[in-house]
């Protein structure tokens, strides 16, 4: 599969979330990109800053208040702001039979086209 998630510092988190949706939950490339995302900030960094507590979490719409409460109980700080996290495009190839599937994120302009 060829794919990417835009979003600066969010990119690696977005990549992992899309892959988890496909591998762990059996979603198609489109379904995996459509799911709500979560961003973690405040981790320890190579510059020497050290994470305190559990860091901060920002959620797109689609996460329940129960999930947020459980994460708060684990020590995470929750940001109330709702934002679109990343932008995703993918092309998946299967060999037997040869066919392609595409996924295009509704958060951004773009489309997956084959010919």
PDB file of N, CA and C in Angstrom:
ATOM      1  N   UNK A   1       0.847  -1.175   0.000  1.00  0.00           N
ATOM      2  CA  UNK A   1       0.000   0.000   0.000  1.00  0.00           C
ATOM      3  C   UNK A   1       0.890   1.235   0.000  1.00  0.00           C
ATOM      4  N   UNK A   2       0.519   2.183  -0.804  1.00  0.00           N
ATOM      5  CA  UNK A   2       1.136   3.489  -0.810  1.00  0.00           C
ATOM      6  C   UNK A   2       0.150   4.443  -0.154  1.00  0.00           C
ATOM      7  N   UNK A   3       0.599   5.159   0.900  1.00  0.00           N
ATOM      8  CA  UNK A   3      -0.331   6.064   1.568  1.00  0.00           C
ATOM      9  C   UNK A   3       0.433   7.140   2.326  1.00  0.00           C
ATOM     10  N   UNK A   4      -0.286   8.143   2.739  1.00  0.00           N
ATOM     11  CA  UNK A   4       0.299   9.188   3.559  1.00  0.00           C
ATOM     12  C   UNK A   4      -0.778   9.944   4.296  1.00  0.00           C
ATOM     13  N   UNK A   5      -0.381  10.540   5.417  1.00  0.00           N
ATOM     14  CA  UNK A   5      -1.258  11.394   6.213  1.00  0.00           C
ATOM     15  C   UNK A   5      -0.528  12.714   6.405  1.00  0.00           C
ATOM     16  N   UNK A   6      -1.122  13.800   5.927  1.00  0.00           N
ATOM     17  CA  UNK A   6      -0.518  15.127   6.120  1.00  0.00           C
ATOM     18  C   UNK A   6      -0.736  15.552   7.565  1.00  0.00           C
ATOM     19  N   UNK A   7       0.017  16.560   7.992  1.00  0.00           N
ATOM     20  CA  UNK A   7      -0.265  17.095   9.305  1.00  0.00           C
ATOM     21  C   UNK A   7       0.940  17.413  10.163  1.00  0.00           C
ATOM     22  N   UNK A   8       2.101  17.649   9.579  1.00  0.00           N
ATOM     23  CA  UNK A   8       3.261  18.046  10.373  1.00  0.00           C
ATOM     24  C   UNK A   8       3.588  17.036  11.458  1.00  0.00           C
ATOM     25  N   UNK A   9       3.653  17.496  12.707  1.00  0.00           N
ATOM     26  CA  UNK A   9       3.991  16.623  13.833  1.00  0.00           C
ATOM     27  C   UNK A   9       2.968  15.505  14.026  1.00  0.00           C
ATOM     28  N   UNK A  10       1.767  15.679  13.502  1.00  0.00           N
ATOM     29  CA  UNK A  10       0.731  14.655  13.648  1.00  0.00           C
ATOM     30  C   UNK A  10       0.948  13.474  12.700  1.00  0.00           C
ATOM     31  N   UNK A  11       1.747  13.648  11.655  1.00  0.00           N
ATOM     32  CA  UNK A  11       1.874  12.617  10.612  1.00  0.00           C
ATOM     33  C   UNK A  11       2.141  11.213  11.150  1.00  0.00           C
ATOM     34  N   UNK A  12       3.149  10.986  11.981  1.00  0.00           N
ATOM     35  CA  UNK A  12       3.375   9.607  12.420  1.00  0.00           C
ATOM     36  C   UNK A  12       2.211   9.042  13.221  1.00  0.00           C
ATOM     37  N   UNK A  13       1.553   9.877  14.007  1.00  0.00           N
ATOM     38  CA  UNK A  13       0.389   9.401  14.758  1.00  0.00           C
ATOM     39  C   UNK A  13      -0.745   9.031  13.808  1.00  0.00           C
ATOM     40  N   UNK A  14      -0.935   9.848  12.785  1.00  0.00           N
ATOM     41  CA  UNK A  14      -1.974   9.562  11.798  1.00  0.00           C
ATOM     42  C   UNK A  14      -1.689   8.285  11.023  1.00  0.00           C
ATOM     43  N   UNK A  15      -0.417   8.086  10.640  1.00  0.00           N
ATOM     44  CA  UNK A  15      -0.044   6.862   9.921  1.00  0.00           C
ATOM     45  C   UNK A  15      -0.368   5.629  10.756  1.00  0.00           C
ATOM     46  N   UNK A  16       0.002   5.648  12.024  1.00  0.00           N
ATOM     47  CA  UNK A  16      -0.237   4.492  12.892  1.00  0.00           C
ATOM     48  C   UNK A  16      -1.730   4.245  13.071  1.00  0.00           C
ATOM     49  N   UNK A  17      -2.522   5.300  13.219  1.00  0.00           N
ATOM     50  CA  UNK A  17      -3.955   5.121  13.411  1.00  0.00           C
ATOM     51  C   UNK A  17      -4.611   4.501  12.181  1.00  0.00           C
ATOM     52  N   UNK A  18      -4.208   4.949  10.989  1.00  0.00           N
ATOM     53  CA  UNK A  18      -4.753   4.365   9.758  1.00  0.00           C
ATOM     54  C   UNK A  18      -4.355   2.896   9.650  1.00  0.00           C
ATOM     55  N   UNK A  19      -3.071   2.592   9.881  1.00  0.00           N
ATOM     56  CA  UNK A  19      -2.620   1.201   9.801  1.00  0.00           C
ATOM     57  C   UNK A  19      -3.311   0.312  10.831  1.00  0.00           C
ATOM     58  N   UNK A  20      -3.482   0.814  12.051  1.00  0.00           N
ATOM     59  CA  UNK A  20      -4.187   0.030  13.070  1.00  0.00           C
ATOM     60  C   UNK A  20      -5.624  -0.266  12.634  1.00  0.00           C
ATOM     61  N   UNK A  21      -6.272   0.729  12.055  1.00  0.00           N
ATOM     62  CA  UNK A  21      -7.647   0.510  11.592  1.00  0.00           C
ATOM     63  C   UNK A  21      -7.712  -0.602  10.550  1.00  0.00           C
ATOM     64  N   UNK A  22      -6.715  -0.657   9.674  1.00  0.00           N
ATOM     65  CA  UNK A  22      -6.701  -1.681   8.627  1.00  0.00           C
ATOM     66  C   UNK A  22      -6.265  -3.043   9.164  1.00  0.00           C
ATOM     67  N   UNK A  23      -5.152  -3.074   9.887  1.00  0.00           N
ATOM     68  CA  UNK A  23      -4.582  -4.350  10.342  1.00  0.00           C
ATOM     69  C   UNK A  23      -5.367  -4.939  11.506  1.00  0.00           C
ATOM     70  N   UNK A  24      -5.619  -4.136  12.534  1.00  0.00           N
ATOM     71  CA  UNK A  24      -6.258  -4.649  13.745  1.00  0.00           C
ATOM     72  C   UNK A  24      -7.770  -4.765  13.633  1.00  0.00           C
ATOM     73  N   UNK A  25      -8.391  -3.893  12.832  1.00  0.00           N
ATOM     74  CA  UNK A  25      -9.848  -3.863  12.767  1.00  0.00           C
ATOM     75  C   UNK A  25     -10.404  -4.246  11.399  1.00  0.00           C
ATOM     76  N   UNK A  26      -9.537  -4.635  10.454  1.00  0.00           N
ATOM     77  CA  UNK A  26      -9.972  -5.153   9.162  1.00  0.00           C
ATOM     78  C   UNK A  26     -10.694  -4.163   8.271  1.00  0.00           C
ATOM     79  N   UNK A  27     -10.402  -2.881   8.417  1.00  0.00           N
ATOM     80  CA  UNK A  27     -11.089  -1.866   7.617  1.00  0.00           C
ATOM     81  C   UNK A  27     -10.454  -1.735   6.240  1.00  0.00           C
ATOM     82  N   UNK A  28     -11.252  -1.284   5.287  1.00  0.00           N
ATOM     83  CA  UNK A  28     -10.758  -0.969   3.952  1.00  0.00           C
ATOM     84  C   UNK A  28      -9.962   0.334   4.019  1.00  0.00           C
ATOM     85  N   UNK A  29      -9.196   0.665   2.967  1.00  0.00           N
ATOM     86  CA  UNK A  29      -8.473   1.939   2.971  1.00  0.00           C
ATOM     87  C   UNK A  29      -9.396   3.144   3.189  1.00  0.00           C
ATOM     88  N   UNK A  30     -10.587   3.117   2.629  1.00  0.00           N
ATOM     89  CA  UNK A  30     -11.509   4.240   2.821  1.00  0.00           C
ATOM     90  C   UNK A  30     -12.040   4.280   4.249  1.00  0.00           C
ATOM     91  N   UNK A  31     -12.475   3.139   4.764  1.00  0.00           N
ATOM     92  CA  UNK A  31     -12.985   3.094   6.130  1.00  0.00           C
ATOM     93  C   UNK A  31     -11.917   3.536   7.137  1.00  0.00           C
ATOM     94  N   UNK A  32     -10.681   3.096   6.927  1.00  0.00           N
ATOM     95  CA  UNK A  32      -9.587   3.429   7.848  1.00  0.00           C
ATOM     96  C   UNK A  32      -9.341   4.932   7.905  1.00  0.00           C
ATOM     97  N   UNK A  33      -9.447   5.598   6.769  1.00  0.00           N
ATOM     98  CA  UNK A  33      -9.236   7.044   6.729  1.00  0.00           C
ATOM     99  C   UNK A  33     -10.410   7.853   7.228  1.00  0.00           C
ATOM    100  N   UNK A  34     -11.602   7.270   7.202  1.00  0.00           N
ATOM    101  CA  UNK A  34     -12.801   7.975   7.647  1.00  0.00           C
ATOM    102  C   UNK A  34     -12.938   8.051   9.162  1.00  0.00           C
ATOM    103  N   UNK A  35     -12.235   7.193   9.895  1.00  0.00           N
ATOM    104  CA  UNK A  35     -12.411   7.113  11.342  1.00  0.00           C
ATOM    105  C   UNK A  35     -11.903   8.366  12.044  1.00  0.00           C
ATOM    106  N   UNK A  36     -12.531   8.730  13.178  1.00  0.00           N
ATOM    107  CA  UNK A  36     -12.038   9.880  13.939  1.00  0.00           C
ATOM    108  C   UNK A  36     -10.642   9.612  14.492  1.00  0.00           C
ATOM    109  N   UNK A  37      -9.881  10.684  14.637  1.00  0.00           N
ATOM    110  CA  UNK A  37      -8.495  10.565  15.068  1.00  0.00           C
ATOM    111  C   UNK A  37      -8.266  11.289  16.391  1.00  0.00           C
ATOM    112  N   UNK A  38      -7.170  10.928  17.019  1.00  0.00           N
ATOM    113  CA  UNK A  38      -6.769  11.520  18.286  1.00  0.00           C
ATOM    114  C   UNK A  38      -5.301  11.930  18.183  1.00  0.00           C
ATOM    115  N   UNK A  39      -4.946  13.060  18.782  1.00  0.00           N
ATOM    116  CA  UNK A  39      -3.555  13.516  18.755  1.00  0.00           C
ATOM    117  C   UNK A  39      -3.027  13.635  20.179  1.00  0.00           C
ATOM    118  N   UNK A  40      -1.818  13.144  20.394  1.00  0.00           N
ATOM    119  CA  UNK A  40      -1.139  13.265  21.689  1.00  0.00           C
ATOM    120  C   UNK A  40      -0.014  14.271  21.560  1.00  0.00           C
ATOM    121  N   UNK A  41       0.038  15.247  22.470  1.00  0.00           N
ATOM    122  CA  UNK A  41       1.133  16.206  22.512  1.00  0.00           C
ATOM    123  C   UNK A  41       1.710  16.239  23.925  1.00  0.00           C
ATOM    124  N   UNK A  42       2.878  16.781  24.049  1.00  0.00           N
ATOM    125  CA  UNK A  42       3.490  16.922  25.362  1.00  0.00           C
ATOM    126  C   UNK A  42       4.393  15.775  25.757  1.00  0.00           C
ATOM    127  N   UNK A  43       4.790  14.946  24.795  1.00  0.00           N
ATOM    128  CA  UNK A  43       5.698  13.833  25.089  1.00  0.00           C
ATOM    129  C   UNK A  43       7.096  14.348  25.369  1.00  0.00           C
ATOM    130  N   UNK A  44       7.913  13.505  25.978  1.00  0.00           N
ATOM    131  CA  UNK A  44       9.333  13.815  26.122  1.00  0.00           C
ATOM    132  C   UNK A  44       9.915  13.977  24.720  1.00  0.00           C
ATOM    133  N   UNK A  45      10.900  14.856  24.604  1.00  0.00           N
ATOM    134  CA  UNK A  45      11.461  15.145  23.286  1.00  0.00           C
ATOM    135  C   UNK A  45      12.975  15.035  23.312  1.00  0.00           C
ATOM    136  N   UNK A  46      13.531  14.862  22.145  1.00  0.00           N
ATOM    137  CA  UNK A  46      14.983  14.751  22.015  1.00  0.00           C
ATOM    138  C   UNK A  46      15.694  16.027  22.444  1.00  0.00           C
ATOM    139  N   UNK A  47      14.956  17.139  22.525  1.00  0.00           N
ATOM    140  CA  UNK A  47      15.551  18.412  22.929  1.00  0.00           C
ATOM    141  C   UNK A  47      15.777  18.486  24.434  1.00  0.00           C
ATOM    142  N   UNK A  48      15.271  17.502  25.186  1.00  0.00           N
ATOM    143  CA  UNK A  48      15.489  17.477  26.627  1.00  0.00           C
ATOM    144  C   UNK A  48      14.241  17.709  27.451  1.00  0.00           C
ATOM    145  N   UNK A  49      13.151  18.176  26.822  1.00  0.00           N
ATOM    146  CA  UNK A  49      11.922  18.357  27.601  1.00  0.00           C
ATOM    147  C   UNK A  49      11.382  16.979  27.986  1.00  0.00           C
ATOM    148  N   UNK A  50      10.850  16.885  29.195  1.00  0.00           N
ATOM    149  CA  UNK A  50      10.349  15.619  29.725  1.00  0.00           C
ATOM    150  C   UNK A  50       8.848  15.721  29.939  1.00  0.00           C
ATOM    151  N   UNK A  51       8.114  14.712  29.491  1.00  0.00           N
ATOM    152  CA  UNK A  51       6.666  14.689  29.646  1.00  0.00           C
ATOM    153  C   UNK A  51       6.309  14.675  31.127  1.00  0.00           C
ATOM    154  N   UNK A  52       5.331  15.480  31.467  1.00  0.00           N
ATOM    155  CA  UNK A  52       4.780  15.475  32.819  1.00  0.00           C
ATOM    156  C   UNK A  52       3.360  14.957  32.736  1.00  0.00           C
ATOM    157  N   UNK A  53       3.006  14.047  33.651  1.00  0.00           N
ATOM    158  CA  UNK A  53       1.680  13.449  33.588  1.00  0.00           C
ATOM    159  C   UNK A  53       1.569  12.590  32.344  1.00  0.00           C
ATOM    160  N   UNK A  54       0.429  12.606  31.730  1.00  0.00           N
ATOM    161  CA  UNK A  54       0.194  11.777  30.559  1.00  0.00           C
ATOM    162  C   UNK A  54       0.191  12.522  29.251  1.00  0.00           C
ATOM    163  N   UNK A  55       0.542  13.808  29.289  1.00  0.00           N
ATOM    164  CA  UNK A  55       0.487  14.598  28.074  1.00  0.00           C
ATOM    165  C   UNK A  55      -0.923  15.101  27.808  1.00  0.00           C
ATOM    166  N   UNK A  56      -1.111  15.703  26.643  1.00  0.00           N
ATOM    167  CA  UNK A  56      -2.412  16.270  26.269  1.00  0.00           C
ATOM    168  C   UNK A  56      -2.979  15.518  25.075  1.00  0.00           C
ATOM    169  N   UNK A  57      -4.293  15.337  25.082  1.00  0.00           N
ATOM    170  CA  UNK A  57      -4.981  14.657  23.987  1.00  0.00           C
ATOM    171  C   UNK A  57      -5.994  15.597  23.360  1.00  0.00           C
ATOM    172  N   UNK A  58      -6.012  15.629  22.036  1.00  0.00           N
ATOM    173  CA  UNK A  58      -7.012  16.364  21.275  1.00  0.00           C
ATOM    174  C   UNK A  58      -7.787  15.349  20.443  1.00  0.00           C
ATOM    175  N   UNK A  59      -9.095  15.467  20.423  1.00  0.00           N
ATOM    176  CA  UNK A  59      -9.966  14.503  19.754  1.00  0.00           C
ATOM    177  C   UNK A  59     -10.741  15.147  18.621  1.00  0.00           C
ATOM    178  N   UNK A  60     -10.906  14.408  17.549  1.00  0.00           N
ATOM    179  CA  UNK A  60     -11.905  14.780  16.556  1.00  0.00           C
ATOM    180  C   UNK A  60     -13.271  14.328  17.085  1.00  0.00           C
ATOM    181  N   UNK A  61     -14.321  14.808  16.479  1.00  0.00           N
ATOM    182  CA  UNK A  61     -15.665  14.348  16.848  1.00  0.00           C
ATOM    183  C   UNK A  61     -15.750  12.846  16.631  1.00  0.00           C
ATOM    184  N   UNK A  62     -16.436  12.161  17.521  1.00  0.00           N
ATOM    185  CA  UNK A  62     -16.628  10.727  17.350  1.00  0.00           C
ATOM    186  C   UNK A  62     -16.148   9.908  18.534  1.00  0.00           C
ATOM    187  N   UNK A  63     -15.448  10.519  19.486  1.00  0.00           N
ATOM    188  CA  UNK A  63     -15.019   9.814  20.688  1.00  0.00           C
ATOM    189  C   UNK A  63     -16.013  10.113  21.805  1.00  0.00           C
ATOM    190  N   UNK A  64     -16.380   9.084  22.545  1.00  0.00           N
ATOM    191  CA  UNK A  64     -17.379   9.261  23.605  1.00  0.00           C
ATOM    192  C   UNK A  64     -16.778   9.974  24.813  1.00  0.00           C
ATOM    193  N   UNK A  65     -17.646  10.579  25.588  1.00  0.00           N
ATOM    194  CA  UNK A  65     -17.218  11.227  26.832  1.00  0.00           C
ATOM    195  C   UNK A  65     -16.684  10.187  27.815  1.00  0.00           C
ATOM    196  N   UNK A  66     -17.203   8.966  27.745  1.00  0.00           N
ATOM    197  CA  UNK A  66     -16.723   7.885  28.617  1.00  0.00           C
ATOM    198  C   UNK A  66     -15.249   7.583  28.339  1.00  0.00           C
ATOM    199  N   UNK A  67     -14.882   7.501  27.073  1.00  0.00           N
ATOM    200  CA  UNK A  67     -13.487   7.247  26.703  1.00  0.00           C
ATOM    201  C   UNK A  67     -12.601   8.382  27.200  1.00  0.00           C
ATOM    202  N   UNK A  68     -13.053   9.612  27.019  1.00  0.00           N
ATOM    203  CA  UNK A  68     -12.278  10.767  27.472  1.00  0.00           C
ATOM    204  C   UNK A  68     -12.106  10.742  28.988  1.00  0.00           C
ATOM    205  N   UNK A  69     -13.156  10.371  29.716  1.00  0.00           N
ATOM    206  CA  UNK A  69     -13.083  10.295  31.177  1.00  0.00           C
ATOM    207  C   UNK A  69     -12.089   9.219  31.620  1.00  0.00           C
ATOM    208  N   UNK A  70     -12.084   8.081  30.940  1.00  0.00           N
ATOM    209  CA  UNK A  70     -11.128   7.017  31.280  1.00  0.00           C
ATOM    210  C   UNK A  70      -9.696   7.477  31.052  1.00  0.00           C
ATOM    211  N   UNK A  71      -9.458   8.188  29.967  1.00  0.00           N
ATOM    212  CA  UNK A  71      -8.110   8.690  29.679  1.00  0.00           C
ATOM    213  C   UNK A  71      -7.695   9.765  30.683  1.00  0.00           C
ATOM    214  N   UNK A  72      -8.646  10.597  31.108  1.00  0.00           N
ATOM    215  CA  UNK A  72      -8.367  11.585  32.146  1.00  0.00           C
ATOM    216  C   UNK A  72      -7.955  10.887  33.439  1.00  0.00           C
ATOM    217  N   UNK A  73      -8.655   9.800  33.781  1.00  0.00           N
ATOM    218  CA  UNK A  73      -8.328   9.038  34.992  1.00  0.00           C
ATOM    219  C   UNK A  73      -6.930   8.424  34.912  1.00  0.00           C
ATOM    220  N   UNK A  74      -6.421   8.194  33.707  1.00  0.00           N
ATOM    221  CA  UNK A  74      -5.080   7.652  33.526  1.00  0.00           C
ATOM    222  C   UNK A  74      -4.005   8.733  33.599  1.00  0.00           C
ATOM    223  N   UNK A  75      -4.420  10.001  33.705  1.00  0.00           N
ATOM    224  CA  UNK A  75      -3.458  11.088  33.840  1.00  0.00           C
ATOM    225  C   UNK A  75      -3.318  11.994  32.642  1.00  0.00           C
ATOM    226  N   UNK A  76      -4.082  11.748  31.582  1.00  0.00           N
ATOM    227  CA  UNK A  76      -4.006  12.598  30.392  1.00  0.00           C
ATOM    228  C   UNK A  76      -4.829  13.865  30.600  1.00  0.00           C
ATOM    229  N   UNK A  77      -4.351  14.970  30.060  1.00  0.00           N
ATOM    230  CA  UNK A  77      -5.129  16.199  30.006  1.00  0.00           C
ATOM    231  C   UNK A  77      -5.875  16.201  28.680  1.00  0.00           C
ATOM    232  N   UNK A  78      -7.134  16.609  28.714  1.00  0.00           N
ATOM    233  CA  UNK A  78      -7.985  16.576  27.523  1.00  0.00           C
ATOM    234  C   UNK A  78      -8.205  17.993  27.018  1.00  0.00           C
ATOM    235  N   UNK A  79      -7.914  18.223  25.737  1.00  0.00           N
ATOM    236  CA  UNK A  79      -8.229  19.499  25.099  1.00  0.00           C
ATOM    237  C   UNK A  79      -9.645  19.427  24.564  1.00  0.00           C
ATOM    238  N   UNK A  80     -10.409  20.483  24.805  1.00  0.00           N
ATOM    239  CA  UNK A  80     -11.802  20.511  24.357  1.00  0.00           C
ATOM    240  C   UNK A  80     -11.933  20.821  22.880  1.00  0.00           C
ATOM    241  N   UNK A  81     -10.929  21.439  22.291  1.00  0.00           N
ATOM    242  CA  UNK A  81     -11.024  21.843  20.894  1.00  0.00           C
ATOM    243  C   UNK A  81     -11.212  20.664  19.956  1.00  0.00           C
ATOM    244  N   UNK A  82     -12.095  20.841  18.999  1.00  0.00           N
ATOM    245  CA  UNK A  82     -12.313  19.816  17.979  1.00  0.00           C
ATOM    246  C   UNK A  82     -11.693  20.343  16.691  1.00  0.00           C
ATOM    247  N   UNK A  83     -10.887  19.517  16.074  1.00  0.00           N
ATOM    248  CA  UNK A  83     -10.234  19.934  14.847  1.00  0.00           C
ATOM    249  C   UNK A  83     -10.092  18.735  13.924  1.00  0.00           C
ATOM    250  N   UNK A  84      -9.835  19.020  12.670  1.00  0.00           N
ATOM    251  CA  UNK A  84      -9.530  17.953  11.720  1.00  0.00           C
ATOM    252  C   UNK A  84      -8.054  17.643  11.842  1.00  0.00           C
ATOM    253  N   UNK A  85      -7.728  16.379  12.012  1.00  0.00           N
ATOM    254  CA  UNK A  85      -6.346  15.966  12.204  1.00  0.00           C
ATOM    255  C   UNK A  85      -5.852  15.226  10.971  1.00  0.00           C
ATOM    256  N   UNK A  86      -4.955  15.858  10.250  1.00  0.00           N
ATOM    257  CA  UNK A  86      -4.342  15.227   9.093  1.00  0.00           C
ATOM    258  C   UNK A  86      -5.220  15.237   7.860  1.00  0.00           C
ATOM    259  N   UNK A  87      -4.688  14.698   6.816  1.00  0.00           N
ATOM    260  CA  UNK A  87      -5.361  14.488   5.548  1.00  0.00           C
ATOM    261  C   UNK A  87      -4.740  13.256   4.922  1.00  0.00           C
ATOM    262  N   UNK A  88      -5.525  12.345   4.397  1.00  0.00           N
ATOM    263  CA  UNK A  88      -5.053  10.998   4.065  1.00  0.00           C
ATOM    264  C   UNK A  88      -5.429  10.619   2.646  1.00  0.00           C
ATOM    265  N   UNK A  89      -4.510   9.952   1.963  1.00  0.00           N
ATOM    266  CA  UNK A  89      -4.759   9.352   0.648  1.00  0.00           C
ATOM    267  C   UNK A  89      -4.069   7.991   0.629  1.00  0.00           C
ATOM    268  N   UNK A  90      -4.665   7.015  -0.044  1.00  0.00           N
ATOM    269  CA  UNK A  90      -4.048   5.687  -0.098  1.00  0.00           C
ATOM    270  C   UNK A  90      -4.430   4.947  -1.372  1.00  0.00           C
ATOM    271  N   UNK A  91      -3.524   4.081  -1.804  1.00  0.00           N
ATOM    272  CA  UNK A  91      -3.805   3.113  -2.875  1.00  0.00           C
ATOM    273  C   UNK A  91      -3.307   1.758  -2.370  1.00  0.00           C
ATOM    274  N   UNK A  92      -4.206   0.786  -2.367  1.00  0.00           N
ATOM    275  CA  UNK A  92      -3.912  -0.570  -1.883  1.00  0.00           C
ATOM    276  C   UNK A  92      -3.954  -1.515  -3.073  1.00  0.00           C
ATOM    277  N   UNK A  93      -2.962  -2.362  -3.195  1.00  0.00           N
ATOM    278  CA  UNK A  93      -2.899  -3.335  -4.288  1.00  0.00           C
ATOM    279  C   UNK A  93      -3.060  -4.738  -3.734  1.00  0.00           C
ATOM    280  N   UNK A  94      -3.903  -5.517  -4.375  1.00  0.00           N
ATOM    281  CA  UNK A  94      -4.013  -6.953  -4.092  1.00  0.00           C
ATOM    282  C   UNK A  94      -3.637  -7.696  -5.363  1.00  0.00           C
ATOM    283  N   UNK A  95      -2.929  -8.814  -5.212  1.00  0.00           N
ATOM    284  CA  UNK A  95      -2.374  -9.512  -6.369  1.00  0.00           C
ATOM    285  C   UNK A  95      -3.218 -10.659  -6.909  1.00  0.00           C
ATOM    286  N   UNK A  96      -4.078 -11.260  -6.115  1.00  0.00           N
ATOM    287  CA  UNK A  96      -4.788 -12.454  -6.588  1.00  0.00           C
ATOM    288  C   UNK A  96      -6.267 -12.392  -6.250  1.00  0.00           C
ATOM    289  N   UNK A  97      -7.071 -11.858  -7.157  1.00  0.00           N
ATOM    290  CA  UNK A  97      -6.744 -11.317  -8.481  1.00  0.00           C
ATOM    291  C   UNK A  97      -6.191  -9.902  -8.354  1.00  0.00           C
ATOM    292  N   UNK A  98      -5.492  -9.451  -9.390  1.00  0.00           N
ATOM    293  CA  UNK A  98      -4.908  -8.118  -9.394  1.00  0.00           C
ATOM    294  C   UNK A  98      -6.024  -7.075  -9.371  1.00  0.00           C
ATOM    295  N   UNK A  99      -5.990  -6.241  -8.347  1.00  0.00           N
ATOM    296  CA  UNK A  99      -6.973  -5.159  -8.223  1.00  0.00           C
ATOM    297  C   UNK A  99      -6.425  -4.109  -7.271  1.00  0.00           C
ATOM    298  N   UNK A 100      -6.996  -2.929  -7.371  1.00  0.00           N
ATOM    299  CA  UNK A 100      -6.563  -1.794  -6.569  1.00  0.00           C
ATOM    300  C   UNK A 100      -7.756  -1.206  -5.831  1.00  0.00           C
ATOM    301  N   UNK A 101      -7.489  -0.702  -4.630  1.00  0.00           N
ATOM    302  CA  UNK A 101      -8.494  -0.007  -3.836  1.00  0.00           C
ATOM    303  C   UNK A 101      -7.908   1.346  -3.449  1.00  0.00           C
ATOM    304  N   UNK A 102      -8.735   2.352  -3.373  1.00  0.00           N
ATOM    305  CA  UNK A 102      -8.263   3.669  -2.974  1.00  0.00           C
ATOM    306  C   UNK A 102      -9.013   4.177  -1.769  1.00  0.00           C
ATOM    307  N   UNK A 103      -8.384   5.087  -1.076  1.00  0.00           N
ATOM    308  CA  UNK A 103      -9.011   5.780   0.034  1.00  0.00           C
ATOM    309  C   UNK A 103      -8.657   7.248  -0.038  1.00  0.00           C
ATOM    310  N   UNK A 104      -9.651   8.101   0.179  1.00  0.00           N
ATOM    311  CA  UNK A 104      -9.425   9.539   0.131  1.00  0.00           C
ATOM    312  C   UNK A 104     -10.122  10.184   1.323  1.00  0.00           C
ATOM    313  N   UNK A 105      -9.386  10.979   2.054  1.00  0.00           N
ATOM    314  CA  UNK A 105      -9.860  11.562   3.306  1.00  0.00           C
ATOM    315  C   UNK A 105     -10.885  12.668   3.060  1.00  0.00           C
ATOM    316  N   UNK A 106     -12.036  12.603   3.733  1.00  0.00           N
ATOM    317  CA  UNK A 106     -13.023  13.665   3.595  1.00  0.00           C
ATOM    318  C   UNK A 106     -12.608  14.978   4.275  1.00  0.00           C
ATOM    319  N   UNK A 107     -11.526  14.972   5.047  1.00  0.00           N
ATOM    320  CA  UNK A 107     -11.076  16.162   5.751  1.00  0.00           C
ATOM    321  C   UNK A 107     -10.391  17.170   4.824  1.00  0.00           C
ATOM    322  N   UNK A 108      -9.928  16.713   3.690  1.00  0.00           N
ATOM    323  CA  UNK A 108      -9.147  17.553   2.773  1.00  0.00           C
ATOM    324  C   UNK A 108      -9.628  17.346   1.334  1.00  0.00           C
ATOM    325  N   UNK A 109      -9.181  18.249   0.453  1.00  0.00           N
ATOM    326  CA  UNK A 109      -9.429  18.048  -0.971  1.00  0.00           C
ATOM    327  C   UNK A 109      -8.610  16.871  -1.449  1.00  0.00           C
ATOM    328  N   UNK A 110      -9.116  16.166  -2.432  1.00  0.00           N
ATOM    329  CA  UNK A 110      -8.361  15.073  -3.029  1.00  0.00           C
ATOM    330  C   UNK A 110      -9.267  13.923  -3.402  1.00  0.00           C
ATOM    331  N   UNK A 111      -8.707  12.975  -4.118  1.00  0.00           N
ATOM    332  CA  UNK A 111      -9.471  11.785  -4.503  1.00  0.00           C
ATOM    333  C   UNK A 111      -8.497  10.688  -4.912  1.00  0.00           C
ATOM    334  N   UNK A 112      -8.981   9.473  -4.895  1.00  0.00           N
ATOM    335  CA  UNK A 112      -8.191   8.336  -5.347  1.00  0.00           C
ATOM    336  C   UNK A 112      -8.779   7.896  -6.690  1.00  0.00           C
ATOM    337  N   UNK A 113      -7.970   7.928  -7.743  1.00  0.00           N
ATOM    338  CA  UNK A 113      -8.447   7.604  -9.092  1.00  0.00           C
ATOM    339  C   UNK A 113      -7.531   6.540  -9.695  1.00  0.00           C
ATOM    340  N   UNK A 114      -8.103   5.568 -10.348  1.00  0.00           N
ATOM    341  CA  UNK A 114      -7.330   4.556 -11.056  1.00  0.00           C
ATOM    342  C   UNK A 114      -7.767   4.474 -12.503  1.00  0.00           C
ATOM    343  N   UNK A 115      -6.862   4.028 -13.335  1.00  0.00           N
ATOM    344  CA  UNK A 115      -7.223   3.825 -14.754  1.00  0.00           C
ATOM    345  C   UNK A 115      -6.487   2.640 -15.302  1.00  0.00           C
TER     346      UNK A 115
END
